[in-house]
């Protein structure tokens, strides 16, 4: 077996390499020789959404929310349909499952983590939380596409923290928002506006007079 190190290349008999070293070398070899990402077109059943999943960023036909990387979903290859398995969304939750209880428990845990991160990493602007029933949440019954984050393009979910555009055209804010929820892996605000400032509304193009200083 050939090893590369600070002392140069050297050949070592396989017997001299422990199982741990062999596993490490195999991992290094795999990392240096990446294989093509497995396509998701042939999957079926309960899976995690990946960057190459054909449904990634599409909208769920039941709840209207976009599919995100890391979302647990149920894929039916025959009908080419995908449903969320997140208890908070409840699209593919079977009858008898306590979806509301599971969603409430997960919401409390996420909220606690989010609040902790907000204290440890305070933003330069006001951050608000999307409540249940908020007009930005998808409502398939209405038949209109829900607003999305100005940076990542995903729909908003109840309980997520966002920065709402500080514009005030004609006394009414446009309501456009950007995720600012590091606990959920959504640091869209810092990526979209690293300076923490908005001078012009991205929707109405109105000048922001009371924006963050």
N, C-alpha and C. Protein backbone atom coordinates (compact mmCIF):
# COMPACT_ATOMS: atom_id res chain seq x y z
N UNK A 1 0.85 -1.19 0.00
CA UNK A 1 0.00 0.00 0.00
C UNK A 1 0.88 1.24 0.00
N UNK A 2 0.51 2.23 -0.76
CA UNK A 2 1.31 3.44 -0.90
C UNK A 2 0.71 4.55 -0.05
N UNK A 3 1.55 5.15 0.81
CA UNK A 3 1.11 6.24 1.66
C UNK A 3 1.86 7.50 1.29
N UNK A 4 1.18 8.64 1.44
CA UNK A 4 1.82 9.92 1.18
C UNK A 4 1.85 10.72 2.48
N UNK A 5 2.99 11.26 2.81
CA UNK A 5 3.10 12.03 4.05
C UNK A 5 4.18 13.07 3.95
N UNK A 6 4.47 13.69 5.10
CA UNK A 6 5.48 14.74 5.10
C UNK A 6 6.84 14.18 4.73
N UNK A 7 7.07 12.90 5.00
CA UNK A 7 8.36 12.31 4.70
C UNK A 7 8.46 11.79 3.28
N UNK A 8 7.44 12.09 2.46
CA UNK A 8 7.46 11.63 1.08
C UNK A 8 6.66 10.35 0.92
N UNK A 9 6.55 9.91 -0.32
CA UNK A 9 5.80 8.70 -0.61
C UNK A 9 6.57 7.49 -0.11
N UNK A 10 5.83 6.50 0.40
CA UNK A 10 6.48 5.27 0.81
C UNK A 10 5.51 4.12 0.64
N UNK A 11 6.02 2.99 0.35
CA UNK A 11 5.22 1.79 0.22
C UNK A 11 5.23 1.02 1.52
N UNK A 12 4.05 0.64 1.99
CA UNK A 12 3.92 -0.07 3.25
C UNK A 12 3.16 -1.35 3.01
N UNK A 13 3.63 -2.41 3.61
CA UNK A 13 2.93 -3.68 3.49
C UNK A 13 1.55 -3.56 4.15
N UNK A 14 0.55 -4.18 3.52
CA UNK A 14 -0.82 -4.09 4.03
C UNK A 14 -0.92 -4.55 5.47
N UNK A 15 -0.07 -5.46 5.88
CA UNK A 15 -0.13 -5.98 7.24
C UNK A 15 0.24 -4.91 8.26
N UNK A 16 0.99 -3.89 7.83
CA UNK A 16 1.42 -2.84 8.74
C UNK A 16 0.34 -1.79 8.97
N UNK A 17 -0.73 -1.82 8.18
CA UNK A 17 -1.77 -0.81 8.27
C UNK A 17 -2.92 -1.35 9.11
N UNK A 18 -3.28 -0.63 10.18
CA UNK A 18 -4.38 -1.06 11.03
C UNK A 18 -5.71 -0.84 10.32
N UNK A 19 -6.76 -1.43 10.87
CA UNK A 19 -8.09 -1.27 10.27
C UNK A 19 -8.53 0.19 10.29
N UNK A 20 -8.18 0.91 11.39
CA UNK A 20 -8.55 2.32 11.46
C UNK A 20 -7.85 3.14 10.38
N UNK A 21 -6.56 2.85 10.18
CA UNK A 21 -5.82 3.56 9.15
C UNK A 21 -6.35 3.23 7.76
N UNK A 22 -6.74 1.98 7.57
CA UNK A 22 -7.27 1.57 6.28
C UNK A 22 -8.57 2.30 5.98
N UNK A 23 -9.43 2.43 7.00
CA UNK A 23 -10.69 3.15 6.80
C UNK A 23 -10.44 4.62 6.50
N UNK A 24 -9.44 5.19 7.20
CA UNK A 24 -9.12 6.59 6.96
C UNK A 24 -8.60 6.79 5.54
N UNK A 25 -7.70 5.90 5.11
CA UNK A 25 -7.16 6.00 3.76
C UNK A 25 -8.24 5.83 2.71
N UNK A 26 -9.19 4.93 2.99
CA UNK A 26 -10.29 4.72 2.05
C UNK A 26 -11.14 5.98 1.95
N UNK A 27 -11.38 6.64 3.10
CA UNK A 27 -12.16 7.87 3.09
C UNK A 27 -11.46 8.97 2.34
N UNK A 28 -10.14 9.08 2.54
CA UNK A 28 -9.37 10.08 1.81
C UNK A 28 -9.42 9.82 0.31
N UNK A 29 -9.29 8.55 -0.07
CA UNK A 29 -9.35 8.18 -1.48
C UNK A 29 -10.70 8.53 -2.09
N UNK A 30 -11.76 8.24 -1.35
CA UNK A 30 -13.09 8.56 -1.86
C UNK A 30 -13.28 10.06 -2.00
N UNK A 31 -12.71 10.82 -1.04
CA UNK A 31 -12.84 12.27 -1.11
C UNK A 31 -12.08 12.87 -2.27
N UNK A 32 -10.93 12.28 -2.61
CA UNK A 32 -10.14 12.78 -3.73
C UNK A 32 -10.69 12.31 -5.07
N UNK A 33 -11.58 11.34 -5.03
CA UNK A 33 -12.14 10.81 -6.28
C UNK A 33 -13.66 10.78 -6.14
N UNK A 34 -14.29 11.98 -6.06
CA UNK A 34 -15.74 12.03 -5.85
C UNK A 34 -16.51 11.39 -6.99
N UNK A 35 -17.58 10.70 -6.62
CA UNK A 35 -18.43 10.06 -7.60
C UNK A 35 -19.60 10.98 -7.94
N UNK A 36 -20.20 10.80 -9.09
CA UNK A 36 -21.36 11.63 -9.46
C UNK A 36 -22.47 11.48 -8.43
N UNK A 37 -23.18 12.59 -8.16
CA UNK A 37 -24.28 12.56 -7.21
C UNK A 37 -25.39 11.67 -7.76
N UNK A 38 -25.87 10.76 -6.91
CA UNK A 38 -26.92 9.86 -7.34
C UNK A 38 -28.19 10.64 -7.62
N UNK A 39 -28.76 10.46 -8.77
CA UNK A 39 -29.97 11.17 -9.13
C UNK A 39 -31.14 10.67 -8.29
N UNK A 40 -32.10 11.56 -8.06
CA UNK A 40 -33.24 11.22 -7.23
C UNK A 40 -34.43 10.75 -8.04
N UNK A 41 -34.27 10.67 -9.35
CA UNK A 41 -35.42 10.37 -10.19
C UNK A 41 -35.94 8.95 -9.97
N UNK A 42 -35.08 8.05 -9.49
CA UNK A 42 -35.52 6.67 -9.33
C UNK A 42 -35.93 6.30 -7.92
N UNK A 43 -35.89 7.26 -6.99
CA UNK A 43 -36.21 6.94 -5.60
C UNK A 43 -37.70 6.81 -5.41
N UNK A 44 -38.07 6.09 -4.36
CA UNK A 44 -39.48 5.90 -4.04
C UNK A 44 -39.58 5.70 -2.53
N UNK A 45 -40.70 6.14 -1.93
CA UNK A 45 -40.88 5.98 -0.50
C UNK A 45 -40.45 7.22 0.26
N UNK A 46 -40.02 7.04 1.51
CA UNK A 46 -39.64 8.15 2.39
C UNK A 46 -38.15 8.44 2.24
N UNK A 47 -37.82 9.66 1.84
CA UNK A 47 -36.43 10.04 1.58
C UNK A 47 -36.19 11.47 2.03
N UNK A 48 -34.92 11.87 2.03
CA UNK A 48 -34.55 13.25 2.32
C UNK A 48 -34.34 14.00 1.01
N UNK A 49 -34.79 15.22 0.96
CA UNK A 49 -34.60 16.05 -0.23
C UNK A 49 -33.13 16.46 -0.32
N UNK A 50 -32.54 16.26 -1.48
CA UNK A 50 -31.16 16.64 -1.71
C UNK A 50 -31.06 17.72 -2.78
N UNK A 51 -29.87 18.26 -2.99
CA UNK A 51 -29.72 19.32 -4.00
C UNK A 51 -30.04 18.86 -5.40
N UNK A 52 -29.92 17.54 -5.67
CA UNK A 52 -30.20 17.05 -7.02
C UNK A 52 -31.58 16.43 -7.14
N UNK A 53 -32.38 16.48 -6.07
CA UNK A 53 -33.73 15.92 -6.13
C UNK A 53 -34.57 16.71 -7.13
N UNK A 54 -35.30 16.00 -7.96
CA UNK A 54 -36.06 16.70 -9.01
C UNK A 54 -37.16 17.59 -8.45
N UNK A 55 -37.58 17.33 -7.20
CA UNK A 55 -38.64 18.14 -6.60
C UNK A 55 -38.09 19.31 -5.79
N UNK A 56 -36.79 19.41 -5.63
CA UNK A 56 -36.18 20.49 -4.85
C UNK A 56 -36.62 21.85 -5.39
N UNK A 57 -37.10 22.71 -4.53
CA UNK A 57 -37.58 24.07 -4.84
C UNK A 57 -38.98 24.08 -5.46
N UNK A 58 -39.53 22.93 -5.81
CA UNK A 58 -40.90 22.92 -6.32
C UNK A 58 -41.88 23.07 -5.16
N UNK A 59 -43.15 23.28 -5.48
CA UNK A 59 -44.16 23.47 -4.46
C UNK A 59 -44.96 22.20 -4.22
N UNK A 60 -45.23 21.93 -2.94
CA UNK A 60 -46.06 20.78 -2.57
C UNK A 60 -47.50 21.07 -3.00
N UNK A 61 -48.13 20.11 -3.61
CA UNK A 61 -49.49 20.31 -4.11
C UNK A 61 -50.53 20.37 -3.00
N UNK A 62 -50.16 19.91 -1.79
CA UNK A 62 -51.12 19.92 -0.69
C UNK A 62 -50.98 21.16 0.19
N UNK A 63 -49.76 21.42 0.69
CA UNK A 63 -49.58 22.54 1.62
C UNK A 63 -49.12 23.82 0.93
N UNK A 64 -48.59 23.71 -0.28
CA UNK A 64 -48.14 24.89 -1.01
C UNK A 64 -46.75 25.36 -0.64
N UNK A 65 -46.10 24.68 0.32
CA UNK A 65 -44.74 25.06 0.70
C UNK A 65 -43.73 24.49 -0.29
N UNK A 66 -42.63 25.19 -0.44
CA UNK A 66 -41.56 24.70 -1.31
C UNK A 66 -40.81 23.58 -0.61
N UNK A 67 -40.25 22.68 -1.40
CA UNK A 67 -39.41 21.61 -0.86
C UNK A 67 -37.99 22.15 -0.71
N UNK A 68 -37.42 21.96 0.48
CA UNK A 68 -36.08 22.44 0.76
C UNK A 68 -35.11 21.28 0.93
N UNK A 69 -33.86 21.57 0.76
CA UNK A 69 -32.83 20.57 1.00
C UNK A 69 -32.90 20.12 2.46
N UNK A 70 -32.97 18.84 2.68
CA UNK A 70 -33.07 18.30 4.02
C UNK A 70 -34.49 17.96 4.44
N UNK A 71 -35.48 18.36 3.65
CA UNK A 71 -36.87 18.02 3.97
C UNK A 71 -37.10 16.52 3.83
N UNK A 72 -37.74 15.92 4.83
CA UNK A 72 -38.17 14.54 4.72
C UNK A 72 -39.46 14.51 3.93
N UNK A 73 -39.50 13.69 2.90
CA UNK A 73 -40.66 13.65 2.02
C UNK A 73 -41.03 12.21 1.69
N UNK A 74 -42.22 12.05 1.18
CA UNK A 74 -42.68 10.76 0.69
C UNK A 74 -42.88 10.86 -0.82
N UNK A 75 -42.13 10.06 -1.55
CA UNK A 75 -42.15 10.12 -3.01
C UNK A 75 -42.93 8.94 -3.57
N UNK A 76 -43.85 9.23 -4.46
CA UNK A 76 -44.59 8.19 -5.18
C UNK A 76 -44.17 8.28 -6.64
N UNK A 77 -43.29 7.38 -7.03
CA UNK A 77 -42.73 7.45 -8.37
C UNK A 77 -43.79 7.20 -9.43
N UNK A 78 -44.78 6.35 -9.13
CA UNK A 78 -45.81 6.01 -10.11
C UNK A 78 -46.62 7.24 -10.51
N UNK A 79 -47.00 8.04 -9.51
CA UNK A 79 -47.80 9.23 -9.80
C UNK A 79 -46.95 10.49 -9.89
N UNK A 80 -45.64 10.32 -9.63
CA UNK A 80 -44.69 11.44 -9.65
C UNK A 80 -45.17 12.57 -8.73
N UNK A 81 -45.53 12.19 -7.51
CA UNK A 81 -45.95 13.16 -6.51
C UNK A 81 -45.01 13.08 -5.30
N UNK A 82 -44.88 14.20 -4.62
CA UNK A 82 -44.03 14.30 -3.43
C UNK A 82 -44.80 15.05 -2.35
N UNK A 83 -44.76 14.53 -1.12
CA UNK A 83 -45.46 15.15 0.00
C UNK A 83 -44.50 15.32 1.17
N UNK A 84 -44.67 16.41 1.90
CA UNK A 84 -43.85 16.65 3.08
C UNK A 84 -44.18 15.65 4.19
N UNK A 85 -43.17 15.28 4.96
CA UNK A 85 -43.37 14.44 6.14
C UNK A 85 -43.19 15.23 7.43
N UNK A 86 -42.95 16.51 7.31
CA UNK A 86 -42.81 17.38 8.48
C UNK A 86 -44.15 17.45 9.21
N UNK A 87 -44.21 17.04 10.49
CA UNK A 87 -45.49 17.08 11.22
C UNK A 87 -46.12 18.46 11.24
N UNK A 88 -45.30 19.52 11.18
CA UNK A 88 -45.85 20.86 11.20
C UNK A 88 -46.63 21.19 9.93
N UNK A 89 -46.33 20.48 8.87
CA UNK A 89 -47.02 20.69 7.60
C UNK A 89 -48.12 19.65 7.40
N UNK A 90 -47.85 18.42 7.82
CA UNK A 90 -48.88 17.40 7.87
C UNK A 90 -49.37 16.86 6.54
N UNK A 91 -48.61 17.05 5.49
CA UNK A 91 -49.08 16.62 4.17
C UNK A 91 -49.23 15.10 4.05
N UNK A 92 -48.23 14.36 4.52
CA UNK A 92 -48.24 12.91 4.35
C UNK A 92 -48.34 12.18 5.67
N UNK A 93 -48.84 12.85 6.71
CA UNK A 93 -48.98 12.21 8.01
C UNK A 93 -50.18 11.28 7.98
N UNK A 94 -49.97 10.03 8.38
CA UNK A 94 -51.04 9.05 8.35
C UNK A 94 -52.08 9.34 9.41
N UNK A 95 -53.28 8.84 9.20
CA UNK A 95 -54.34 9.01 10.18
C UNK A 95 -53.94 8.31 11.47
N UNK A 96 -54.22 8.95 12.58
CA UNK A 96 -53.87 8.37 13.87
C UNK A 96 -52.59 8.95 14.42
N UNK A 97 -51.77 9.57 13.59
CA UNK A 97 -50.56 10.21 14.07
C UNK A 97 -50.91 11.51 14.78
N UNK A 98 -50.25 11.78 15.89
CA UNK A 98 -50.52 13.01 16.63
C UNK A 98 -49.66 14.12 16.02
N UNK A 99 -50.05 14.55 14.84
CA UNK A 99 -49.26 15.54 14.11
C UNK A 99 -49.20 16.87 14.84
N UNK A 100 -50.33 17.28 15.42
CA UNK A 100 -50.35 18.57 16.08
C UNK A 100 -49.42 18.60 17.29
N UNK A 101 -49.42 17.51 18.06
CA UNK A 101 -48.55 17.43 19.24
C UNK A 101 -47.09 17.42 18.83
N UNK A 102 -46.76 16.64 17.79
CA UNK A 102 -45.38 16.56 17.32
C UNK A 102 -44.91 17.90 16.79
N UNK A 103 -45.79 18.58 16.08
CA UNK A 103 -45.44 19.88 15.52
C UNK A 103 -45.20 20.89 16.63
N UNK A 104 -46.05 20.85 17.69
CA UNK A 104 -45.91 21.78 18.80
C UNK A 104 -44.59 21.55 19.53
N UNK A 105 -44.23 20.29 19.75
CA UNK A 105 -42.99 19.97 20.46
C UNK A 105 -41.79 20.43 19.65
N UNK A 106 -41.80 20.14 18.35
CA UNK A 106 -40.69 20.57 17.50
C UNK A 106 -40.61 22.07 17.42
N UNK A 107 -41.76 22.76 17.41
CA UNK A 107 -41.79 24.21 17.34
C UNK A 107 -41.17 24.82 18.58
N UNK A 108 -41.45 24.27 19.76
CA UNK A 108 -40.91 24.79 21.00
C UNK A 108 -39.40 24.62 21.04
N UNK A 109 -38.90 23.48 20.59
CA UNK A 109 -37.45 23.24 20.59
C UNK A 109 -36.76 24.20 19.63
N UNK A 110 -37.34 24.36 18.44
CA UNK A 110 -36.74 25.26 17.45
C UNK A 110 -36.77 26.70 17.93
N UNK A 111 -37.87 27.09 18.56
CA UNK A 111 -38.00 28.46 19.06
C UNK A 111 -36.95 28.74 20.13
N UNK A 112 -36.72 27.79 21.02
CA UNK A 112 -35.73 27.98 22.07
C UNK A 112 -34.33 28.14 21.49
N UNK A 113 -34.01 27.32 20.49
CA UNK A 113 -32.70 27.42 19.85
C UNK A 113 -32.57 28.75 19.11
N UNK A 114 -33.63 29.15 18.42
CA UNK A 114 -33.60 30.40 17.66
C UNK A 114 -33.41 31.59 18.59
N UNK A 115 -34.12 31.60 19.69
CA UNK A 115 -34.00 32.71 20.64
C UNK A 115 -32.59 32.78 21.22
N UNK A 116 -32.00 31.61 21.48
CA UNK A 116 -30.64 31.59 22.00
C UNK A 116 -29.65 32.16 21.00
N UNK A 117 -29.83 31.80 19.73
CA UNK A 117 -28.93 32.30 18.70
C UNK A 117 -29.13 33.79 18.46
N UNK A 118 -30.36 34.26 18.60
CA UNK A 118 -30.62 35.69 18.41
C UNK A 118 -29.91 36.51 19.50
N UNK A 119 -29.84 35.95 20.70
CA UNK A 119 -29.15 36.64 21.78
C UNK A 119 -27.65 36.60 21.59
N UNK A 120 -27.15 35.46 21.13
CA UNK A 120 -25.71 35.31 20.93
C UNK A 120 -25.23 36.02 19.66
N UNK A 121 -26.09 36.11 18.68
CA UNK A 121 -25.74 36.72 17.40
C UNK A 121 -26.83 37.73 17.03
N UNK A 122 -26.89 38.86 17.74
CA UNK A 122 -27.97 39.83 17.51
C UNK A 122 -27.85 40.49 16.14
N UNK A 123 -28.95 40.62 15.43
CA UNK A 123 -28.93 41.28 14.12
C UNK A 123 -28.89 42.79 14.28
N UNK A 124 -28.58 43.48 13.20
CA UNK A 124 -28.54 44.94 13.21
C UNK A 124 -29.90 45.54 12.91
N UNK A 125 -30.87 44.70 12.60
CA UNK A 125 -32.20 45.17 12.25
C UNK A 125 -33.23 44.43 13.10
N UNK A 126 -34.46 44.91 13.04
CA UNK A 126 -35.54 44.26 13.78
C UNK A 126 -35.90 42.93 13.13
N UNK A 127 -36.04 41.91 13.94
CA UNK A 127 -36.40 40.58 13.46
C UNK A 127 -37.77 40.20 14.04
N UNK A 128 -38.62 39.66 13.20
CA UNK A 128 -39.94 39.24 13.65
C UNK A 128 -40.16 37.78 13.31
N UNK A 129 -41.13 37.17 13.97
CA UNK A 129 -41.42 35.76 13.77
C UNK A 129 -42.72 35.59 13.01
N UNK A 130 -42.71 34.69 12.02
CA UNK A 130 -43.90 34.44 11.22
C UNK A 130 -44.92 33.68 12.07
N UNK A 131 -46.08 34.28 12.36
CA UNK A 131 -47.07 33.59 13.19
C UNK A 131 -47.99 32.69 12.36
N UNK A 132 -48.68 31.80 13.02
CA UNK A 132 -49.70 31.01 12.34
C UNK A 132 -50.76 31.95 11.78
N UNK A 133 -51.20 31.67 10.57
CA UNK A 133 -52.21 32.51 9.95
C UNK A 133 -51.67 33.73 9.25
N UNK A 134 -50.35 33.93 9.27
CA UNK A 134 -49.75 35.08 8.60
C UNK A 134 -50.07 35.05 7.11
N UNK A 135 -50.27 36.21 6.53
CA UNK A 135 -50.65 36.28 5.11
C UNK A 135 -49.54 35.80 4.18
N UNK A 136 -48.31 35.73 4.69
CA UNK A 136 -47.21 35.25 3.85
C UNK A 136 -47.16 33.74 3.73
N UNK A 137 -47.86 33.04 4.60
CA UNK A 137 -47.86 31.58 4.56
C UNK A 137 -48.70 31.07 3.39
N UNK A 138 -48.26 29.98 2.77
CA UNK A 138 -49.02 29.42 1.64
C UNK A 138 -50.43 29.02 2.06
N UNK A 139 -51.38 29.26 1.17
CA UNK A 139 -52.76 28.86 1.38
C UNK A 139 -53.30 28.35 0.05
N UNK A 140 -53.13 27.05 -0.21
CA UNK A 140 -53.55 26.49 -1.50
C UNK A 140 -55.02 26.77 -1.84
N UNK A 141 -55.85 26.94 -0.80
CA UNK A 141 -57.27 27.17 -1.06
C UNK A 141 -57.51 28.49 -1.78
N UNK A 142 -56.60 29.43 -1.58
CA UNK A 142 -56.74 30.74 -2.22
C UNK A 142 -56.40 30.67 -3.70
N UNK A 143 -55.50 29.77 -4.04
CA UNK A 143 -55.12 29.61 -5.44
C UNK A 143 -54.04 30.57 -5.91
N UNK A 144 -53.43 31.32 -4.98
CA UNK A 144 -52.37 32.25 -5.33
C UNK A 144 -51.05 31.76 -4.78
N UNK A 145 -49.98 32.02 -5.51
CA UNK A 145 -48.66 31.63 -5.05
C UNK A 145 -48.26 32.51 -3.87
N UNK A 146 -47.77 31.88 -2.82
CA UNK A 146 -47.40 32.61 -1.62
C UNK A 146 -46.10 33.39 -1.83
N UNK A 147 -45.90 34.48 -1.09
CA UNK A 147 -44.63 35.21 -1.17
C UNK A 147 -43.47 34.31 -0.75
N UNK A 148 -42.30 34.61 -1.26
CA UNK A 148 -41.11 33.82 -0.93
C UNK A 148 -40.01 34.75 -0.43
N UNK A 149 -39.02 34.15 0.20
CA UNK A 149 -37.85 34.90 0.67
C UNK A 149 -37.15 35.55 -0.52
N UNK A 150 -36.78 36.80 -0.37
CA UNK A 150 -36.14 37.53 -1.46
C UNK A 150 -34.77 36.99 -1.81
N UNK A 151 -34.19 36.19 -0.91
CA UNK A 151 -32.85 35.66 -1.18
C UNK A 151 -32.88 34.21 -1.64
N UNK A 152 -33.46 33.30 -0.82
CA UNK A 152 -33.40 31.88 -1.15
C UNK A 152 -34.54 31.41 -2.04
N UNK A 153 -35.62 32.20 -2.12
CA UNK A 153 -36.73 31.84 -2.99
C UNK A 153 -37.66 30.79 -2.42
N UNK A 154 -37.47 30.41 -1.14
CA UNK A 154 -38.34 29.42 -0.52
C UNK A 154 -39.51 30.11 0.18
N UNK A 155 -40.61 29.37 0.33
CA UNK A 155 -41.75 29.89 1.06
C UNK A 155 -41.42 30.01 2.54
N UNK A 156 -42.19 30.83 3.22
CA UNK A 156 -42.02 31.00 4.66
C UNK A 156 -42.85 29.96 5.40
N UNK A 157 -42.35 29.54 6.56
CA UNK A 157 -43.06 28.59 7.38
C UNK A 157 -43.32 29.21 8.75
N UNK A 158 -44.43 28.83 9.36
CA UNK A 158 -44.81 29.38 10.66
C UNK A 158 -43.71 29.15 11.68
N UNK A 159 -43.37 30.18 12.43
CA UNK A 159 -42.35 30.09 13.46
C UNK A 159 -40.98 30.56 13.01
N UNK A 160 -40.78 30.77 11.73
CA UNK A 160 -39.46 31.20 11.24
C UNK A 160 -39.27 32.69 11.49
N UNK A 161 -38.02 33.06 11.74
CA UNK A 161 -37.68 34.46 11.97
C UNK A 161 -37.26 35.11 10.66
N UNK A 162 -37.75 36.32 10.46
CA UNK A 162 -37.49 37.04 9.21
C UNK A 162 -37.21 38.51 9.49
N UNK A 163 -36.62 39.16 8.51
CA UNK A 163 -36.48 40.61 8.50
C UNK A 163 -37.46 41.13 7.46
N UNK A 164 -38.37 41.98 7.89
CA UNK A 164 -39.37 42.55 6.99
C UNK A 164 -38.84 43.86 6.43
N UNK A 165 -39.07 44.09 5.15
CA UNK A 165 -38.59 45.31 4.51
C UNK A 165 -39.08 46.53 5.30
N UNK A 166 -38.16 47.45 5.65
CA UNK A 166 -38.53 48.61 6.47
C UNK A 166 -39.15 49.76 5.70
N UNK A 167 -39.50 49.56 4.45
CA UNK A 167 -40.07 50.65 3.66
C UNK A 167 -41.46 51.00 4.17
N UNK A 168 -41.90 52.20 3.87
CA UNK A 168 -43.24 52.63 4.25
C UNK A 168 -43.89 53.42 3.12
N UNK A 169 -44.06 52.79 1.94
CA UNK A 169 -44.72 53.52 0.86
C UNK A 169 -46.17 53.81 1.20
N UNK A 170 -46.52 55.08 1.20
CA UNK A 170 -47.89 55.53 1.49
C UNK A 170 -48.36 55.01 2.85
N UNK A 171 -47.44 54.92 3.79
CA UNK A 171 -47.81 54.52 5.13
C UNK A 171 -47.96 53.03 5.33
N UNK A 172 -47.82 52.22 4.28
CA UNK A 172 -47.97 50.77 4.39
C UNK A 172 -46.70 50.08 3.91
N UNK A 173 -46.18 49.18 4.72
CA UNK A 173 -44.99 48.43 4.32
C UNK A 173 -45.37 47.44 3.22
N UNK A 174 -44.42 47.14 2.34
CA UNK A 174 -44.70 46.20 1.24
C UNK A 174 -44.83 44.78 1.78
N UNK A 175 -44.24 44.50 2.92
CA UNK A 175 -44.37 43.18 3.54
C UNK A 175 -43.37 42.16 3.05
N UNK A 176 -42.52 42.53 2.08
CA UNK A 176 -41.51 41.60 1.60
C UNK A 176 -40.57 41.23 2.75
N UNK A 177 -40.11 40.00 2.77
CA UNK A 177 -39.29 39.55 3.90
C UNK A 177 -38.14 38.67 3.43
N UNK A 178 -37.15 38.56 4.32
CA UNK A 178 -35.96 37.74 4.08
C UNK A 178 -35.70 36.93 5.35
N UNK A 179 -35.41 35.65 5.18
CA UNK A 179 -35.14 34.81 6.34
C UNK A 179 -33.95 35.34 7.15
N UNK A 180 -34.10 35.28 8.48
CA UNK A 180 -32.97 35.54 9.38
C UNK A 180 -33.11 34.57 10.54
N UNK A 181 -32.93 33.28 10.22
CA UNK A 181 -33.18 32.21 11.19
C UNK A 181 -32.04 31.20 11.14
N UNK A 182 -30.90 31.53 11.75
CA UNK A 182 -29.74 30.62 11.69
C UNK A 182 -30.03 29.25 12.29
N UNK A 183 -30.97 29.17 13.25
CA UNK A 183 -31.29 27.88 13.85
C UNK A 183 -31.90 26.93 12.83
N UNK A 184 -32.55 27.49 11.83
CA UNK A 184 -33.14 26.69 10.76
C UNK A 184 -32.22 26.61 9.55
N UNK A 185 -30.99 27.12 9.70
CA UNK A 185 -30.05 27.11 8.59
C UNK A 185 -30.37 28.15 7.53
N UNK A 186 -31.08 29.21 7.93
CA UNK A 186 -31.51 30.23 6.98
C UNK A 186 -30.92 31.59 7.37
N UNK A 187 -29.69 31.82 6.97
CA UNK A 187 -29.02 33.10 7.22
C UNK A 187 -29.08 33.97 5.98
N UNK A 188 -30.26 34.02 5.39
CA UNK A 188 -30.44 34.73 4.11
C UNK A 188 -30.16 36.22 4.23
N UNK A 189 -30.56 36.82 5.37
CA UNK A 189 -30.41 38.27 5.52
C UNK A 189 -28.95 38.69 5.42
N UNK A 190 -28.07 38.03 6.17
CA UNK A 190 -26.66 38.40 6.15
C UNK A 190 -26.04 38.18 4.77
N UNK A 191 -26.52 37.19 4.04
CA UNK A 191 -25.98 36.94 2.70
C UNK A 191 -26.53 37.95 1.70
N UNK A 192 -27.77 38.35 1.90
CA UNK A 192 -28.41 39.28 0.97
C UNK A 192 -27.97 40.71 1.22
N UNK A 193 -27.88 41.09 2.50
CA UNK A 193 -27.47 42.45 2.88
C UNK A 193 -26.41 42.37 3.98
N UNK A 194 -25.16 42.06 3.61
CA UNK A 194 -24.09 41.95 4.62
C UNK A 194 -23.93 43.22 5.44
N UNK A 195 -24.25 44.37 4.86
CA UNK A 195 -24.11 45.64 5.58
C UNK A 195 -25.22 45.84 6.59
N UNK A 196 -26.29 45.06 6.49
CA UNK A 196 -27.42 45.21 7.39
C UNK A 196 -28.30 46.41 7.07
N UNK A 197 -28.16 46.95 5.87
CA UNK A 197 -28.91 48.15 5.50
C UNK A 197 -29.74 47.93 4.24
N UNK A 198 -30.89 48.58 4.20
CA UNK A 198 -31.73 48.62 3.01
C UNK A 198 -32.03 50.08 2.73
N UNK A 199 -31.64 50.57 1.58
CA UNK A 199 -31.86 51.97 1.24
C UNK A 199 -33.01 52.16 0.25
N UNK A 200 -33.28 51.09 -0.52
CA UNK A 200 -34.36 51.15 -1.50
C UNK A 200 -35.18 49.87 -1.40
N UNK A 201 -36.50 50.00 -1.35
CA UNK A 201 -37.37 48.84 -1.27
C UNK A 201 -37.20 48.00 -2.53
N UNK A 202 -36.90 46.71 -2.41
CA UNK A 202 -36.70 45.87 -3.59
C UNK A 202 -37.99 45.56 -4.35
N UNK A 203 -39.13 45.89 -3.75
CA UNK A 203 -40.42 45.61 -4.40
C UNK A 203 -41.00 46.87 -5.05
N UNK A 204 -41.12 47.93 -4.27
CA UNK A 204 -41.73 49.16 -4.79
C UNK A 204 -40.71 50.16 -5.31
N UNK A 205 -39.42 49.91 -5.01
CA UNK A 205 -38.32 50.81 -5.38
C UNK A 205 -38.42 52.15 -4.65
N UNK A 206 -39.24 52.20 -3.60
CA UNK A 206 -39.35 53.41 -2.81
C UNK A 206 -38.12 53.57 -1.93
N UNK A 207 -37.70 54.81 -1.69
CA UNK A 207 -36.55 55.06 -0.85
C UNK A 207 -36.92 54.78 0.60
N UNK A 208 -36.05 54.07 1.28
CA UNK A 208 -36.29 53.72 2.68
C UNK A 208 -35.75 54.84 3.55
N UNK A 209 -36.66 55.53 4.23
CA UNK A 209 -36.25 56.65 5.06
C UNK A 209 -35.98 56.23 6.51
N UNK A 210 -36.69 55.22 6.95
CA UNK A 210 -36.55 54.79 8.34
C UNK A 210 -35.87 53.43 8.43
N UNK A 211 -35.00 53.14 7.47
CA UNK A 211 -34.30 51.87 7.49
C UNK A 211 -33.25 51.83 8.57
N UNK A 212 -32.58 50.71 8.72
CA UNK A 212 -31.55 50.59 9.75
C UNK A 212 -30.39 51.53 9.48
N UNK A 213 -29.84 52.10 10.52
CA UNK A 213 -28.72 53.03 10.36
C UNK A 213 -27.40 52.30 10.43
